[in-house]
N, C-alpha and C. Protein backbone atom coordinates (compact mmCIF):
# COMPACT_ATOMS: atom_id res chain seq x y z
N UNK A 1 69.54 20.31 46.76
CA UNK A 1 68.83 21.51 46.37
C UNK A 1 67.33 21.24 46.46
N UNK A 2 66.66 22.07 47.20
CA UNK A 2 65.23 21.90 47.41
C UNK A 2 64.46 22.88 46.53
N UNK A 3 63.50 22.36 45.80
CA UNK A 3 62.66 23.22 44.97
C UNK A 3 61.22 23.11 45.46
N UNK A 4 60.47 24.15 45.28
CA UNK A 4 59.07 24.12 45.68
C UNK A 4 58.21 23.67 44.51
N UNK A 5 57.12 23.02 44.85
CA UNK A 5 56.19 22.55 43.83
C UNK A 5 55.44 23.73 43.24
N UNK A 6 55.16 23.62 41.97
CA UNK A 6 54.40 24.67 41.30
C UNK A 6 52.94 24.53 41.68
N UNK A 7 52.32 25.64 42.01
CA UNK A 7 50.90 25.64 42.36
C UNK A 7 50.12 26.39 41.30
N UNK A 8 48.97 25.84 40.95
CA UNK A 8 48.12 26.44 39.93
C UNK A 8 46.85 26.95 40.60
N UNK A 9 46.40 28.11 40.20
CA UNK A 9 45.19 28.70 40.77
C UNK A 9 43.97 27.93 40.29
N UNK A 10 42.91 28.06 41.04
CA UNK A 10 41.66 27.40 40.68
C UNK A 10 41.13 27.93 39.35
N UNK A 11 41.35 29.22 39.09
CA UNK A 11 40.88 29.81 37.84
C UNK A 11 41.63 29.20 36.65
N UNK A 12 42.94 29.02 36.80
CA UNK A 12 43.75 28.43 35.73
C UNK A 12 43.31 26.99 35.48
N UNK A 13 43.12 26.22 36.55
CA UNK A 13 42.68 24.82 36.41
C UNK A 13 41.33 24.75 35.72
N UNK A 14 40.41 25.63 36.10
CA UNK A 14 39.08 25.62 35.50
C UNK A 14 39.14 25.98 34.02
N UNK A 15 39.99 26.96 33.69
CA UNK A 15 40.11 27.38 32.29
C UNK A 15 40.66 26.24 31.44
N UNK A 16 41.70 25.57 31.92
CA UNK A 16 42.31 24.48 31.17
C UNK A 16 41.35 23.29 31.08
N UNK A 17 40.65 23.00 32.18
CA UNK A 17 39.69 21.90 32.18
C UNK A 17 38.56 22.15 31.18
N UNK A 18 38.08 23.38 31.11
CA UNK A 18 37.02 23.69 30.16
C UNK A 18 37.51 23.55 28.72
N UNK A 19 38.76 23.93 28.47
CA UNK A 19 39.32 23.73 27.13
C UNK A 19 39.39 22.25 26.81
N UNK A 20 39.74 21.42 27.81
CA UNK A 20 39.82 19.97 27.59
C UNK A 20 38.44 19.38 27.34
N UNK A 21 37.45 19.85 28.08
CA UNK A 21 36.08 19.35 27.91
C UNK A 21 35.55 19.74 26.53
N UNK A 22 35.86 20.96 26.11
CA UNK A 22 35.42 21.44 24.80
C UNK A 22 35.94 20.52 23.69
N UNK A 23 37.17 20.03 23.84
CA UNK A 23 37.69 19.04 22.91
C UNK A 23 38.26 19.57 21.61
N UNK A 24 38.52 20.86 21.53
CA UNK A 24 39.11 21.41 20.30
C UNK A 24 40.54 20.94 20.11
N UNK A 25 41.28 20.79 21.22
CA UNK A 25 42.66 20.33 21.18
C UNK A 25 42.79 19.04 22.00
N UNK A 26 43.79 18.24 21.68
CA UNK A 26 44.04 17.03 22.47
C UNK A 26 44.68 17.42 23.80
N UNK A 27 44.72 16.48 24.74
CA UNK A 27 45.36 16.75 26.02
C UNK A 27 46.83 17.07 25.83
N UNK A 28 47.49 16.39 24.90
CA UNK A 28 48.90 16.65 24.64
C UNK A 28 49.11 18.06 24.10
N UNK A 29 48.21 18.50 23.22
CA UNK A 29 48.32 19.85 22.67
C UNK A 29 48.07 20.90 23.74
N UNK A 30 47.08 20.64 24.61
CA UNK A 30 46.82 21.56 25.71
C UNK A 30 48.00 21.61 26.68
N UNK A 31 48.61 20.45 26.93
CA UNK A 31 49.76 20.40 27.82
C UNK A 31 50.91 21.23 27.28
N UNK A 32 51.16 21.15 26.00
CA UNK A 32 52.23 21.93 25.39
C UNK A 32 51.89 23.42 25.41
N UNK A 33 50.63 23.74 25.19
CA UNK A 33 50.20 25.14 25.14
C UNK A 33 50.35 25.81 26.51
N UNK A 34 49.98 25.09 27.58
CA UNK A 34 49.96 25.68 28.91
C UNK A 34 51.16 25.30 29.78
N UNK A 35 52.00 24.39 29.31
CA UNK A 35 53.17 23.99 30.08
C UNK A 35 52.84 23.14 31.29
N UNK A 36 51.83 22.28 31.15
CA UNK A 36 51.37 21.42 32.24
C UNK A 36 51.38 19.99 31.72
N UNK A 37 51.65 19.01 32.59
CA UNK A 37 51.66 17.61 32.16
C UNK A 37 50.24 17.18 31.79
N UNK A 38 50.14 16.34 30.78
CA UNK A 38 48.81 15.95 30.27
C UNK A 38 48.00 15.16 31.29
N UNK A 39 48.63 14.43 32.19
CA UNK A 39 47.87 13.70 33.21
C UNK A 39 47.21 14.64 34.20
N UNK A 40 47.84 15.78 34.46
CA UNK A 40 47.23 16.78 35.35
C UNK A 40 45.98 17.36 34.71
N UNK A 41 46.05 17.62 33.41
CA UNK A 41 44.89 18.15 32.71
C UNK A 41 43.76 17.13 32.73
N UNK A 42 44.08 15.86 32.55
CA UNK A 42 43.07 14.81 32.62
C UNK A 42 42.41 14.74 33.99
N UNK A 43 43.21 14.91 35.04
CA UNK A 43 42.66 14.88 36.40
C UNK A 43 41.76 16.09 36.63
N UNK A 44 42.19 17.27 36.18
CA UNK A 44 41.37 18.47 36.33
C UNK A 44 40.07 18.33 35.56
N UNK A 45 40.13 17.70 34.39
CA UNK A 45 38.94 17.49 33.56
C UNK A 45 37.96 16.57 34.28
N UNK A 46 38.48 15.47 34.85
CA UNK A 46 37.63 14.55 35.60
C UNK A 46 36.98 15.23 36.80
N UNK A 47 37.75 16.04 37.52
CA UNK A 47 37.20 16.77 38.68
C UNK A 47 36.10 17.72 38.25
N UNK A 48 36.30 18.39 37.13
CA UNK A 48 35.28 19.31 36.63
C UNK A 48 34.02 18.57 36.22
N UNK A 49 34.19 17.43 35.56
CA UNK A 49 33.03 16.64 35.12
C UNK A 49 32.26 16.09 36.33
N UNK A 50 32.98 15.67 37.37
CA UNK A 50 32.32 15.15 38.57
C UNK A 50 31.57 16.26 39.31
N UNK A 51 32.09 17.48 39.23
CA UNK A 51 31.47 18.59 39.92
C UNK A 51 30.25 19.16 39.23
N UNK A 52 30.05 18.78 37.98
CA UNK A 52 28.91 19.33 37.23
C UNK A 52 27.62 18.66 37.62
């Protein structure tokens, strides 16, 4: 059975990354809130920080 990978829009990634940068919630809490693995959020956060 073949499944397709889930794709996230740039807007969604930016929104989640900004929440991570803000630091109100931990990466684990953000992952549970948005249904995304915490390592992905960490990668998006790093990309956002490098782009600033």
